[in-house]
Amino acid sequence: MEDALEDAREEIKRVDHLFYVSLKYTRTVDMMRNLIDRLISTFDCGILSLLKHAEEKKKIKEIPPSPLSKCELLKKLYPNIKKYTDLYILLRKLMKTPYTKREEYRRHVTMISKTGDQKIETDIDILKEYYDKTAEFLSFVQDTISRKK
């Protein structure tokens, strides 16, 4: 549990560097995708940490293998976590769907993903919102684990 939480902290540090340094100088969709991938990794570690904590407290018997089933289980254990799991699922969707680029190397670089009939545009401002929510999620994980010890 502590290892997964520490991994999540390290991942958010990498996201911080990617957002404030790398993306500032390299305004490309590839850099945006790297950042999204790191956000997903942060969520993976945070979710694993919460589930290990629940397993230690005997709230669950085992940790499910798939990301979606982990999210469903977390929603049952912690009802106020839905906004974070929804973001996690959205980020995973963004990484799996085909995408196009707009205004690369400029401030308004945008990744346009097509999921079914829906078009999702992701730019630097939206990435900042994702980053903030991920950091908020990590704080939630830390508070939950430390509160219930």
Protein backbone atom coordinates (compact mmCIF):
# COMPACT_ATOMS: atom_id res chain seq x y z
CA MET A 1 0.00 0.00 0.00
CA GLU A 2 2.74 2.48 0.96
CA ASP A 3 4.80 1.49 -2.10
CA ALA A 4 1.89 2.20 -4.44
CA LEU A 5 1.28 5.55 -2.73
CA GLU A 6 4.95 6.48 -3.04
CA ASP A 7 4.87 5.49 -6.73
CA ALA A 8 1.85 7.78 -7.20
CA ARG A 9 3.74 10.66 -5.55
CA GLU A 10 6.71 10.09 -7.88
CA GLU A 11 4.43 10.00 -10.92
CA ILE A 12 2.76 13.30 -9.99
CA LYS A 13 6.24 14.87 -9.70
CA ARG A 14 6.96 13.70 -13.26
CA VAL A 15 3.62 15.11 -14.43
CA ASP A 16 4.48 18.40 -12.76
CA HIS A 17 7.78 18.57 -14.64
CA LEU A 18 6.17 17.56 -17.93
CA PHE A 19 3.50 20.22 -17.56
CA TYR A 20 5.56 23.15 -16.32
CA VAL A 21 8.85 22.52 -18.14
CA SER A 22 8.63 20.10 -21.06
CA LEU A 23 5.26 21.19 -22.42
CA LYS A 24 6.27 24.84 -22.12
CA TYR A 25 9.16 24.36 -24.54
CA THR A 26 7.83 21.49 -26.63
CA ARG A 27 4.25 22.24 -27.55
CA THR A 28 3.42 19.00 -29.31
CA VAL A 29 0.62 16.49 -29.10
CA ASP A 30 3.19 13.78 -28.36
CA MET A 31 4.22 15.68 -25.23
CA MET A 32 0.54 16.02 -24.29
CA ARG A 33 0.08 12.28 -24.71
CA ASN A 34 3.13 11.62 -22.50
CA LEU A 35 1.54 13.83 -19.85
CA ILE A 36 -1.80 12.01 -20.11
CA ASP A 37 0.02 8.68 -19.85
CA ARG A 38 1.71 9.85 -16.64
CA LEU A 39 -1.64 11.01 -15.26
CA ILE A 40 -3.02 7.53 -15.93
CA SER A 41 -0.03 6.00 -14.14
CA THR A 42 -0.65 8.27 -11.16
CA PHE A 43 -4.28 7.15 -11.05
CA ASP A 44 -3.23 3.48 -11.38
CA CYS A 45 -0.91 3.77 -8.38
CA GLY A 46 -3.44 5.72 -6.32
CA ILE A 47 -6.23 3.27 -7.07
CA LEU A 48 -3.99 0.32 -6.23
CA SER A 49 -3.03 2.00 -2.96
CA LEU A 50 -6.69 2.53 -1.99
CA LEU A 51 -7.59 -1.04 -2.88
CA LYS A 52 -4.64 -2.47 -0.93
CA HIS A 53 -5.72 -0.36 2.03
CA ALA A 54 -9.28 -1.71 1.75
CA GLU A 55 -7.91 -5.25 1.48
CA GLU A 56 -5.81 -4.79 4.63
CA LYS A 57 -8.87 -3.48 6.47
CA LYS A 58 -10.80 -6.57 5.28
CA LYS A 59 -13.34 -4.51 3.31
CA ILE A 60 -12.61 -6.52 0.16
CA LYS A 61 -11.30 -10.04 -0.39
CA GLU A 62 -9.20 -9.43 -3.50
CA ILE A 63 -8.23 -6.70 -5.92
CA PRO A 64 -9.89 -7.05 -9.34
CA PRO A 65 -7.58 -7.33 -12.37
CA SER A 66 -9.16 -4.88 -14.82
CA PRO A 67 -9.11 -1.07 -14.45
CA LEU A 68 -12.87 -0.74 -14.97
CA SER A 69 -13.71 -3.31 -12.31
CA LYS A 70 -11.28 -1.55 -9.93
CA CYS A 71 -13.16 1.70 -10.54
CA GLU A 72 -16.52 0.07 -9.92
CA LEU A 73 -15.29 -1.41 -6.66
CA LEU A 74 -13.86 1.94 -5.56
CA LYS A 75 -17.20 3.64 -6.26
CA LYS A 76 -18.85 1.15 -3.90
CA LEU A 77 -16.23 1.62 -1.18
CA TYR A 78 -15.91 5.42 -1.49
CA PRO A 79 -19.05 7.05 -2.96
CA ASN A 80 -17.41 10.49 -3.32
CA ILE A 81 -14.68 9.19 -5.65
CA LYS A 82 -16.85 9.13 -8.79
CA LYS A 83 -15.49 12.36 -10.31
CA TYR A 84 -11.95 10.96 -10.11
CA THR A 85 -12.79 7.57 -11.57
CA ASP A 86 -14.69 9.26 -14.40
CA LEU A 87 -11.60 11.34 -15.21
CA TYR A 88 -9.42 8.22 -15.09
CA ILE A 89 -11.70 6.42 -17.54
CA LEU A 90 -11.75 9.48 -19.83
CA LEU A 91 -7.96 9.67 -19.84
CA ARG A 92 -7.69 5.98 -20.70
CA LYS A 93 -10.17 6.53 -23.53
CA LEU A 94 -8.15 9.47 -24.86
CA MET A 95 -5.03 7.32 -25.06
CA LYS A 96 -6.79 4.49 -26.90
CA THR A 97 -8.72 6.45 -29.53
CA PRO A 98 -7.43 7.81 -32.84
CA TYR A 99 -6.48 11.48 -32.70
CA THR A 100 -5.49 14.41 -34.89
CA LYS A 101 -3.36 17.46 -34.14
CA ARG A 102 -4.06 21.16 -34.44
CA GLU A 103 -1.72 24.14 -34.03
CA GLU A 104 1.30 22.14 -32.99
CA TYR A 105 4.29 24.17 -31.68
CA ARG A 106 1.94 26.98 -30.63
CA ARG A 107 0.21 27.96 -27.38
CA HIS A 108 -3.11 26.51 -28.49
CA VAL A 109 -1.81 23.08 -29.47
CA THR A 110 -4.82 20.74 -29.43
CA MET A 111 -5.26 16.98 -29.56
CA ILE A 112 -8.58 16.05 -31.12
CA SER A 113 -9.75 12.54 -30.21
CA LYS A 114 -12.71 10.79 -31.77
CA THR A 115 -14.61 8.39 -29.53
CA GLY A 116 -17.54 6.99 -31.43
CA ASP A 117 -19.61 9.99 -32.55
CA GLN A 118 -18.08 12.29 -29.92
CA LYS A 119 -15.13 14.61 -30.58
CA ILE A 120 -12.98 15.55 -27.58
CA GLU A 121 -10.57 18.47 -27.88
CA THR A 122 -7.74 18.56 -25.36
CA ASP A 123 -5.53 21.62 -25.07
CA ILE A 124 -3.06 22.90 -22.47
CA ASP A 125 -5.78 24.52 -20.35
CA ILE A 126 -7.78 21.30 -20.21
CA LEU A 127 -4.61 19.37 -19.37
CA LYS A 128 -4.11 21.76 -16.44
CA GLU A 129 -7.60 20.87 -15.18
CA TYR A 130 -6.79 17.16 -15.52
CA TYR A 131 -3.52 17.69 -13.65
CA ASP A 132 -5.25 19.59 -10.84
CA LYS A 133 -7.94 16.91 -10.46
CA THR A 134 -5.28 14.20 -10.40
CA ALA A 135 -3.37 16.03 -7.66
CA GLU A 136 -6.68 16.39 -5.80
CA PHE A 137 -7.24 12.64 -6.18
CA LEU A 138 -3.80 11.92 -4.77
CA SER A 139 -4.58 14.14 -1.76
CA PHE A 140 -7.83 12.21 -1.29
CA VAL A 141 -5.90 8.92 -1.35
CA GLN A 142 -3.35 10.17 1.18
CA ASP A 143 -6.06 11.52 3.49
CA THR A 144 -8.10 8.32 3.26
CA ILE A 145 -5.17 6.08 4.02
CA SER A 146 -3.77 8.19 6.86
CA ARG A 147 -7.20 8.81 8.42
CA LYS A 148 -8.15 5.14 8.62
CA LYS A 149 -4.90 3.77 10.02
